[in-house]
C-alpha cells in the first residue's frame, strides 16, 4: 500500500510502499501524533522512515487493492 507523508514547509512529500494494512498504518500515525513522538514506518524493502510528529503536515494512506497484471479489461 502506498503511503504519502507531507511535511510542513517542505514542497516535496515522502512516498513509500508499506506491507502493513491501512488500519495498522493509521494506528502508528495516530499514536505518533497523540504522543508527540516520531513517526516510524518501514517500507516493503525494509527501509525505516522516521519523521518527527511535530512537523507532519498530512499522511495519505492509499487504498488496499491487488495489483492487476496484464492488459485485459475486466
PDB file of N, CA and C in Angstrom:
ATOM      1  N   UNK A   1       0.827  -1.154   0.000  1.00  0.00           N
ATOM      2  CA  UNK A   1       0.000   0.000   0.000  1.00  0.00           C
ATOM      3  C   UNK A   1       0.881   1.228   0.000  1.00  0.00           C
ATOM      4  N   UNK A   2       0.456   2.240  -0.720  1.00  0.00           N
ATOM      5  CA  UNK A   2       1.222   3.472  -0.840  1.00  0.00           C
ATOM      6  C   UNK A   2       0.870   4.428   0.303  1.00  0.00           C
ATOM      7  N   UNK A   3       1.911   5.003   0.919  1.00  0.00           N
ATOM      8  CA  UNK A   3       1.739   5.968   1.987  1.00  0.00           C
ATOM      9  C   UNK A   3       2.481   7.240   1.580  1.00  0.00           C
ATOM     10  N   UNK A   4       1.792   8.387   1.614  1.00  0.00           N
ATOM     11  CA  UNK A   4       2.406   9.671   1.299  1.00  0.00           C
ATOM     12  C   UNK A   4       2.423  10.506   2.569  1.00  0.00           C
ATOM     13  N   UNK A   5       3.588  11.074   2.874  1.00  0.00           N
ATOM     14  CA  UNK A   5       3.753  11.888   4.068  1.00  0.00           C
ATOM     15  C   UNK A   5       4.139  13.293   3.647  1.00  0.00           C
ATOM     16  N   UNK A   6       3.313  14.261   3.999  1.00  0.00           N
ATOM     17  CA  UNK A   6       3.605  15.659   3.737  1.00  0.00           C
ATOM     18  C   UNK A   6       4.214  16.288   4.976  1.00  0.00           C
ATOM     19  N   UNK A   7       5.248  17.079   4.779  1.00  0.00           N
ATOM     20  CA  UNK A   7       5.947  17.719   5.887  1.00  0.00           C
ATOM     21  C   UNK A   7       5.754  19.225   5.780  1.00  0.00           C
ATOM     22  N   UNK A   8       5.509  19.874   6.915  1.00  0.00           N
ATOM     23  CA  UNK A   8       5.270  21.314   6.949  1.00  0.00           C
ATOM     24  C   UNK A   8       6.449  22.064   6.342  1.00  0.00           C
ATOM     25  N   UNK A   9       6.136  23.082   5.543  1.00  0.00           N
ATOM     26  CA  UNK A   9       7.122  23.984   4.929  1.00  0.00           C
ATOM     27  C   UNK A   9       8.090  23.287   3.969  1.00  0.00           C
ATOM     28  N   UNK A  10       7.751  22.097   3.504  1.00  0.00           N
ATOM     29  CA  UNK A  10       8.553  21.361   2.526  1.00  0.00           C
ATOM     30  C   UNK A  10       7.637  21.046   1.343  1.00  0.00           C
ATOM     31  N   UNK A  11       8.071  21.394   0.150  1.00  0.00           N
ATOM     32  CA  UNK A  11       7.239  21.203  -1.032  1.00  0.00           C
ATOM     33  C   UNK A  11       7.166  19.775  -1.527  1.00  0.00           C
ATOM     34  N   UNK A  12       8.065  18.947  -1.106  1.00  0.00           N
ATOM     35  CA  UNK A  12       8.116  17.574  -1.598  1.00  0.00           C
ATOM     36  C   UNK A  12       7.618  16.617  -0.516  1.00  0.00           C
ATOM     37  N   UNK A  13       6.875  15.605  -0.927  1.00  0.00           N
ATOM     38  CA  UNK A  13       6.362  14.637   0.031  1.00  0.00           C
ATOM     39  C   UNK A  13       7.198  13.360   0.023  1.00  0.00           C
ATOM     40  N   UNK A  14       7.114  12.603   1.100  1.00  0.00           N
ATOM     41  CA  UNK A  14       7.773  11.305   1.198  1.00  0.00           C
ATOM     42  C   UNK A  14       6.758  10.261   0.759  1.00  0.00           C
ATOM     43  N   UNK A  15       7.128   9.405  -0.176  1.00  0.00           N
ATOM     44  CA  UNK A  15       6.237   8.352  -0.671  1.00  0.00           C
ATOM     45  C   UNK A  15       6.918   7.011  -0.436  1.00  0.00           C
ATOM     46  N   UNK A  16       6.183   6.084   0.175  1.00  0.00           N
ATOM     47  CA  UNK A  16       6.745   4.756   0.393  1.00  0.00           C
ATOM     48  C   UNK A  16       5.665   3.706   0.227  1.00  0.00           C
ATOM     49  N   UNK A  17       6.086   2.511  -0.098  1.00  0.00           N
ATOM     50  CA  UNK A  17       5.197   1.357  -0.209  1.00  0.00           C
ATOM     51  C   UNK A  17       5.353   0.544   1.065  1.00  0.00           C
ATOM     52  N   UNK A  18       4.253   0.304   1.744  1.00  0.00           N
ATOM     53  CA  UNK A  18       4.285  -0.419   3.009  1.00  0.00           C
ATOM     54  C   UNK A  18       3.572  -1.760   2.870  1.00  0.00           C
ATOM     55  N   UNK A  19       4.085  -2.759   3.579  1.00  0.00           N
ATOM     56  CA  UNK A  19       3.453  -4.073   3.587  1.00  0.00           C
ATOM     57  C   UNK A  19       2.341  -4.130   4.632  1.00  0.00           C
ATOM     58  N   UNK A  20       2.251  -3.116   5.508  1.00  0.00           N
ATOM     59  CA  UNK A  20       1.215  -3.080   6.535  1.00  0.00           C
ATOM     60  C   UNK A  20      -0.126  -2.711   5.918  1.00  0.00           C
ATOM     61  N   UNK A  21      -1.205  -3.082   6.602  1.00  0.00           N
ATOM     62  CA  UNK A  21      -2.529  -2.699   6.112  1.00  0.00           C
ATOM     63  C   UNK A  21      -2.867  -1.279   6.566  1.00  0.00           C
ATOM     64  N   UNK A  22      -3.939  -0.733   6.031  1.00  0.00           N
ATOM     65  CA  UNK A  22      -4.318   0.660   6.285  1.00  0.00           C
ATOM     66  C   UNK A  22      -4.574   0.924   7.765  1.00  0.00           C
ATOM     67  N   UNK A  23      -5.209   0.001   8.448  1.00  0.00           N
ATOM     68  CA  UNK A  23      -5.507   0.188   9.868  1.00  0.00           C
ATOM     69  C   UNK A  23      -4.240   0.250  10.705  1.00  0.00           C
ATOM     70  N   UNK A  24      -3.263  -0.595  10.393  1.00  0.00           N
ATOM     71  CA  UNK A  24      -2.005  -0.606  11.139  1.00  0.00           C
ATOM     72  C   UNK A  24      -1.238   0.697  10.936  1.00  0.00           C
ATOM     73  N   UNK A  25      -1.207   1.193   9.693  1.00  0.00           N
ATOM     74  CA  UNK A  25      -0.514   2.450   9.407  1.00  0.00           C
ATOM     75  C   UNK A  25      -1.231   3.610  10.103  1.00  0.00           C
ATOM     76  N   UNK A  26      -2.550   3.625  10.056  1.00  0.00           N
ATOM     77  CA  UNK A  26      -3.320   4.684  10.708  1.00  0.00           C
ATOM     78  C   UNK A  26      -3.086   4.685  12.215  1.00  0.00           C
ATOM     79  N   UNK A  27      -2.970   3.518  12.823  1.00  0.00           N
ATOM     80  CA  UNK A  27      -2.707   3.427  14.263  1.00  0.00           C
ATOM     81  C   UNK A  27      -1.332   3.980  14.602  1.00  0.00           C
ATOM     82  N   UNK A  28      -0.318   3.634  13.814  1.00  0.00           N
ATOM     83  CA  UNK A  28       1.038   4.132  14.050  1.00  0.00           C
ATOM     84  C   UNK A  28       1.076   5.653  13.928  1.00  0.00           C
ATOM     85  N   UNK A  29       0.414   6.179  12.912  1.00  0.00           N
ATOM     86  CA  UNK A  29       0.363   7.638  12.703  1.00  0.00           C
ATOM     87  C   UNK A  29      -0.373   8.317  13.858  1.00  0.00           C
ATOM     88  N   UNK A  30      -1.515   7.781  14.234  1.00  0.00           N
ATOM     89  CA  UNK A  30      -2.295   8.350  15.330  1.00  0.00           C
ATOM     90  C   UNK A  30      -1.544   8.343  16.648  1.00  0.00           C
ATOM     91  N   UNK A  31      -0.856   7.249  16.932  1.00  0.00           N
ATOM     92  CA  UNK A  31      -0.069   7.161  18.165  1.00  0.00           C
ATOM     93  C   UNK A  31       1.060   8.182  18.181  1.00  0.00           C
ATOM     94  N   UNK A  32       1.741   8.347  17.042  1.00  0.00           N
ATOM     95  CA  UNK A  32       2.843   9.303  16.961  1.00  0.00           C
ATOM     96  C   UNK A  32       2.350  10.726  17.185  1.00  0.00           C
ATOM     97  N   UNK A  33       1.209  11.065  16.607  1.00  0.00           N
ATOM     98  CA  UNK A  33       0.657  12.414  16.767  1.00  0.00           C
ATOM     99  C   UNK A  33       0.184  12.633  18.202  1.00  0.00           C
ATOM    100  N   UNK A  34      -0.505  11.648  18.773  1.00  0.00           N
ATOM    101  CA  UNK A  34      -1.035  11.778  20.134  1.00  0.00           C
ATOM    102  C   UNK A  34       0.081  11.930  21.164  1.00  0.00           C
ATOM    103  N   UNK A  35       1.170  11.190  20.971  1.00  0.00           N
ATOM    104  CA  UNK A  35       2.280  11.233  21.930  1.00  0.00           C
ATOM    105  C   UNK A  35       3.268  12.355  21.633  1.00  0.00           C
ATOM    106  N   UNK A  36       3.191  12.927  20.428  1.00  0.00           N
ATOM    107  CA  UNK A  36       4.145  13.967  20.047  1.00  0.00           C
ATOM    108  C   UNK A  36       5.539  13.419  19.801  1.00  0.00           C
ATOM    109  N   UNK A  37       5.607  12.135  19.517  1.00  0.00           N
ATOM    110  CA  UNK A  37       6.897  11.494  19.265  1.00  0.00           C
ATOM    111  C   UNK A  37       7.173  11.449  17.760  1.00  0.00           C
ATOM    112  N   UNK A  38       8.026  10.580  17.355  1.00  0.00           N
ATOM    113  CA  UNK A  38       8.358  10.464  15.927  1.00  0.00           C
ATOM    114  C   UNK A  38       7.516   9.386  15.266  1.00  0.00           C
ATOM    115  N   UNK A  39       7.237   9.597  13.985  1.00  0.00           N
ATOM    116  CA  UNK A  39       6.520   8.625  13.169  1.00  0.00           C
ATOM    117  C   UNK A  39       7.556   7.691  12.558  1.00  0.00           C
ATOM    118  N   UNK A  40       7.420   6.401  12.818  1.00  0.00           N
ATOM    119  CA  UNK A  40       8.351   5.402  12.286  1.00  0.00           C
ATOM    120  C   UNK A  40       7.582   4.404  11.437  1.00  0.00           C
ATOM    121  N   UNK A  41       7.909   4.362  10.154  1.00  0.00           N
ATOM    122  CA  UNK A  41       7.290   3.410   9.227  1.00  0.00           C
ATOM    123  C   UNK A  41       8.382   2.666   8.481  1.00  0.00           C
ATOM    124  N   UNK A  42       8.149   1.400   8.222  1.00  0.00           N
ATOM    125  CA  UNK A  42       9.082   0.582   7.452  1.00  0.00           C
ATOM    126  C   UNK A  42       8.457   0.290   6.099  1.00  0.00           C
ATOM    127  N   UNK A  43       9.227   0.514   5.024  1.00  0.00           N
ATOM    128  CA  UNK A  43       8.681   0.250   3.690  1.00  0.00           C
ATOM    129  C   UNK A  43       8.819  -1.221   3.344  1.00  0.00           C
ATOM    130  N   UNK A  44       8.327  -1.609   2.171  1.00  0.00           N
ATOM    131  CA  UNK A  44       8.317  -3.019   1.773  1.00  0.00           C
ATOM    132  C   UNK A  44       9.708  -3.566   1.470  1.00  0.00           C
ATOM    133  N   UNK A  45      10.728  -2.705   1.411  1.00  0.00           N
ATOM    134  CA  UNK A  45      12.104  -3.148   1.188  1.00  0.00           C
ATOM    135  C   UNK A  45      12.906  -3.180   2.483  1.00  0.00           C
ATOM    136  N   UNK A  46      12.243  -2.882   3.600  1.00  0.00           N
ATOM    137  CA  UNK A  46      12.896  -2.942   4.901  1.00  0.00           C
ATOM    138  C   UNK A  46      13.546  -1.643   5.356  1.00  0.00           C
ATOM    139  N   UNK A  47      13.399  -0.570   4.583  1.00  0.00           N
ATOM    140  CA  UNK A  47      13.976   0.721   4.976  1.00  0.00           C
ATOM    141  C   UNK A  47      13.081   1.381   6.010  1.00  0.00           C
ATOM    142  N   UNK A  48      13.694   2.023   6.998  1.00  0.00           N
ATOM    143  CA  UNK A  48      12.970   2.700   8.058  1.00  0.00           C
ATOM    144  C   UNK A  48      12.900   4.185   7.759  1.00  0.00           C
ATOM    145  N   UNK A  49      11.690   4.742   7.801  1.00  0.00           N
ATOM    146  CA  UNK A  49      11.467   6.176   7.591  1.00  0.00           C
ATOM    147  C   UNK A  49      11.038   6.755   8.927  1.00  0.00           C
ATOM    148  N   UNK A  50      11.762   7.783   9.397  1.00  0.00           N
ATOM    149  CA  UNK A  50      11.456   8.420  10.683  1.00  0.00           C
ATOM    150  C   UNK A  50      11.193   9.897  10.433  1.00  0.00           C
ATOM    151  N   UNK A  51      10.025  10.372  10.884  1.00  0.00           N
ATOM    152  CA  UNK A  51       9.640  11.775  10.729  1.00  0.00           C
ATOM    153  C   UNK A  51       9.152  12.271  12.093  1.00  0.00           C
ATOM    154  N   UNK A  52       9.685  13.393  12.583  1.00  0.00           N
ATOM    155  CA  UNK A  52       9.163  13.944  13.844  1.00  0.00           C
ATOM    156  C   UNK A  52       7.682  14.310  13.689  1.00  0.00           C
ATOM    157  N   UNK A  53       6.861  13.919  14.648  1.00  0.00           N
ATOM    158  CA  UNK A  53       5.416  14.134  14.554  1.00  0.00           C
ATOM    159  C   UNK A  53       5.051  15.609  14.535  1.00  0.00           C
ATOM    160  N   UNK A  54       5.863  16.471  15.135  1.00  0.00           N
ATOM    161  CA  UNK A  54       5.521  17.889  15.206  1.00  0.00           C
ATOM    162  C   UNK A  54       5.679  18.615  13.874  1.00  0.00           C
ATOM    163  N   UNK A  55       6.263  17.982  12.846  1.00  0.00           N
ATOM    164  CA  UNK A  55       6.398  18.619  11.531  1.00  0.00           C
ATOM    165  C   UNK A  55       5.496  17.984  10.473  1.00  0.00           C
ATOM    166  N   UNK A  56       4.658  17.019  10.882  1.00  0.00           N
ATOM    167  CA  UNK A  56       3.758  16.374   9.931  1.00  0.00           C
ATOM    168  C   UNK A  56       2.717  17.359   9.430  1.00  0.00           C
ATOM    169  N   UNK A  57       2.563  17.395   8.109  1.00  0.00           N
ATOM    170  CA  UNK A  57       1.509  18.195   7.507  1.00  0.00           C
ATOM    171  C   UNK A  57       0.297  17.329   7.245  1.00  0.00           C
ATOM    172  N   UNK A  58       0.517  16.158   6.666  1.00  0.00           N
ATOM    173  CA  UNK A  58      -0.554  15.197   6.396  1.00  0.00           C
ATOM    174  C   UNK A  58       0.051  13.831   6.126  1.00  0.00           C
ATOM    175  N   UNK A  59      -0.756  12.798   6.268  1.00  0.00           N
ATOM    176  CA  UNK A  59      -0.382  11.432   5.896  1.00  0.00           C
ATOM    177  C   UNK A  59      -1.536  10.875   5.090  1.00  0.00           C
ATOM    178  N   UNK A  60      -1.247  10.505   3.851  1.00  0.00           N
ATOM    179  CA  UNK A  60      -2.266   9.932   2.960  1.00  0.00           C
ATOM    180  C   UNK A  60      -2.004   8.442   2.844  1.00  0.00           C
ATOM    181  N   UNK A  61      -2.995   7.654   3.224  1.00  0.00           N
ATOM    182  CA  UNK A  61      -2.869   6.194   3.186  1.00  0.00           C
ATOM    183  C   UNK A  61      -3.668   5.698   1.998  1.00  0.00           C
ATOM    184  N   UNK A  62      -2.990   5.049   1.058  1.00  0.00           N
ATOM    185  CA  UNK A  62      -3.640   4.565  -0.161  1.00  0.00           C
ATOM    186  C   UNK A  62      -4.583   3.416   0.110  1.00  0.00           C
ATOM    187  N   UNK A  63      -5.489   3.203  -0.814  1.00  0.00           N
ATOM    188  CA  UNK A  63      -6.455   2.110  -0.698  1.00  0.00           C
ATOM    189  C   UNK A  63      -5.770   0.780  -0.929  1.00  0.00           C
ATOM    190  N   UNK A  64      -6.251  -0.219  -0.225  1.00  0.00           N
ATOM    191  CA  UNK A  64      -5.709  -1.561  -0.410  1.00  0.00           C
ATOM    192  C   UNK A  64      -6.391  -2.213  -1.598  1.00  0.00           C
ATOM    193  N   UNK A  65      -5.622  -2.553  -2.607  1.00  0.00           N
ATOM    194  CA  UNK A  65      -6.180  -3.273  -3.746  1.00  0.00           C
ATOM    195  C   UNK A  65      -5.076  -4.113  -4.365  1.00  0.00           C
ATOM    196  N   UNK A  66      -5.465  -5.237  -4.890  1.00  0.00           N
ATOM    197  CA  UNK A  66      -4.496  -6.125  -5.536  1.00  0.00           C
ATOM    198  C   UNK A  66      -4.055  -5.481  -6.856  1.00  0.00           C
ATOM    199  N   UNK A  67      -2.786  -5.607  -7.160  1.00  0.00           N
ATOM    200  CA  UNK A  67      -2.291  -5.057  -8.413  1.00  0.00           C
ATOM    201  C   UNK A  67      -2.715  -5.949  -9.566  1.00  0.00           C
ATOM    202  N   UNK A  68      -3.125  -5.290 -10.638  1.00  0.00           N
ATOM    203  CA  UNK A  68      -3.555  -6.026 -11.829  1.00  0.00           C
ATOM    204  C   UNK A  68      -2.355  -6.399 -12.667  1.00  0.00           C
ATOM    205  N   UNK A  69      -2.452  -7.524 -13.308  1.00  0.00           N
ATOM    206  CA  UNK A  69      -1.408  -7.991 -14.195  1.00  0.00           C
ATOM    207  C   UNK A  69      -2.014  -8.221 -15.562  1.00  0.00           C
ATOM    208  N   UNK A  70      -1.363  -7.735 -16.590  1.00  0.00           N
ATOM    209  CA  UNK A  70      -1.858  -7.946 -17.940  1.00  0.00           C
ATOM    210  C   UNK A  70      -2.548  -6.712 -18.507  1.00  0.00           C
ATOM    211  N   UNK A  71      -3.091  -6.877 -19.695  1.00  0.00           N
ATOM    212  CA  UNK A  71      -3.690  -5.755 -20.402  1.00  0.00           C
ATOM    213  C   UNK A  71      -5.193  -5.883 -20.560  1.00  0.00           C
ATOM    214  N   UNK A  72      -5.778  -6.975 -20.144  1.00  0.00           N
ATOM    215  CA  UNK A  72      -7.215  -7.206 -20.324  1.00  0.00           C
ATOM    216  C   UNK A  72      -8.044  -6.355 -19.387  1.00  0.00           C
ATOM    217  N   UNK A  73      -9.201  -5.951 -19.838  1.00  0.00           N
ATOM    218  CA  UNK A  73     -10.119  -5.180 -19.004  1.00  0.00           C
ATOM    219  C   UNK A  73     -11.167  -6.116 -18.435  1.00  0.00           C
ATOM    220  N   UNK A  74     -11.400  -6.010 -17.151  1.00  0.00           N
ATOM    221  CA  UNK A  74     -12.415  -6.853 -16.502  1.00  0.00           C
ATOM    222  C   UNK A  74     -13.543  -6.036 -15.999  1.00  0.00           C
TER     223      UNK A  74
END
